Amino acid sequence: MDERKGVLTPNQEKGLDDLIELEGLAERFDGVIIKLVDNQVIERLKGKIPVEHHETVYAIIDEVFRALGIEP
């Protein structure tokens, strides 16, 4: 399994970046913003969830991304 910081794998971060279509500078920086939010903000929020539930959260996120055609 890929290493996760936050709740997304690096492949999911890239897939989300590819999925989101913005214009101009926003498109240029959306990948960086996705990674920053997941790795910093979501990682801190994840700390509030008991560790024994992390795998359940990952499984849910993975299924949502699979439905979008993005593998973990």
Protein backbone atom coordinates (compact mmCIF):
# COMPACT_ATOMS: atom_id res chain seq x y z
CA MET A 1 0.00 0.00 0.00
CA ASP A 2 1.21 3.51 -0.76
CA GLU A 3 2.22 5.66 2.14
CA ARG A 4 -0.42 8.14 3.18
CA LYS A 5 -0.01 11.47 4.79
CA GLY A 6 -3.49 12.81 5.33
CA VAL A 7 -6.00 10.35 3.89
CA LEU A 8 -4.99 10.31 0.23
CA THR A 9 -2.26 8.30 -1.44
CA PRO A 10 0.09 10.16 -3.80
CA ASN A 11 -1.78 8.56 -6.73
CA GLN A 12 -5.12 9.80 -5.39
CA GLU A 13 -3.70 13.31 -4.98
CA LYS A 14 -2.53 13.24 -8.61
CA GLY A 15 -5.85 11.79 -9.79
CA LEU A 16 -7.77 14.51 -7.98
CA ASP A 17 -5.51 17.14 -9.55
CA ASP A 18 -6.21 15.65 -13.01
CA LEU A 19 -9.94 15.53 -12.29
CA ILE A 20 -10.22 19.17 -11.21
CA GLU A 21 -10.11 21.52 -14.20
CA LEU A 22 -9.50 25.17 -13.35
CA GLU A 23 -8.24 28.10 -15.39
CA GLY A 24 -5.07 30.15 -15.31
CA LEU A 25 -2.95 30.22 -12.19
CA ALA A 26 -5.51 28.23 -10.25
CA GLU A 27 -4.91 25.24 -12.56
CA ARG A 28 -1.17 25.64 -12.21
CA PHE A 29 -1.31 25.47 -8.42
CA ASP A 30 -4.27 23.18 -7.69
CA GLY A 31 -2.05 20.10 -7.35
CA VAL A 32 0.15 21.82 -4.80
CA ILE A 33 -2.92 23.00 -2.89
CA ILE A 34 -4.47 19.51 -2.89
CA LYS A 35 -1.24 18.01 -1.54
CA LEU A 36 -0.81 20.75 1.06
CA VAL A 37 -4.40 20.47 2.34
CA ASP A 38 -4.25 16.67 2.53
CA ASN A 39 -0.76 16.44 4.03
CA GLN A 40 -1.12 19.28 6.51
CA VAL A 41 -4.77 20.04 7.31
CA ILE A 42 -6.33 16.60 6.85
CA GLU A 43 -3.35 14.96 8.59
CA ARG A 44 -4.05 17.10 11.67
CA LEU A 45 -7.76 16.29 11.55
CA LYS A 46 -6.93 12.59 11.18
CA GLY A 47 -5.12 12.87 14.51
CA LYS A 48 -8.52 13.43 16.14
CA ILE A 49 -9.78 10.05 14.88
CA PRO A 50 -8.77 7.04 16.99
CA VAL A 51 -6.00 5.08 15.24
CA GLU A 52 -8.07 1.90 15.18
CA HIS A 53 -10.49 3.66 12.78
CA HIS A 54 -7.90 4.92 10.28
CA GLU A 55 -8.12 1.82 8.08
CA THR A 56 -11.90 2.24 7.88
CA VAL A 57 -11.47 5.85 6.77
CA TYR A 58 -8.89 4.76 4.18
CA ALA A 59 -11.22 2.06 2.86
CA ILE A 60 -14.04 4.57 2.41
CA ILE A 61 -11.77 7.09 0.66
CA ASP A 62 -10.36 4.34 -1.58
CA GLU A 63 -13.87 3.26 -2.65
CA VAL A 64 -14.90 6.84 -3.44
CA PHE A 65 -11.80 7.29 -5.58
CA ARG A 66 -12.31 3.92 -7.31
CA ALA A 67 -15.82 5.11 -8.23
CA LEU A 68 -14.12 8.12 -9.83
CA GLY A 69 -11.77 5.80 -11.73
CA ILE A 70 -8.74 6.61 -9.58
CA GLU A 71 -6.92 3.66 -8.01
CA PRO A 72 -5.18 4.01 -4.63
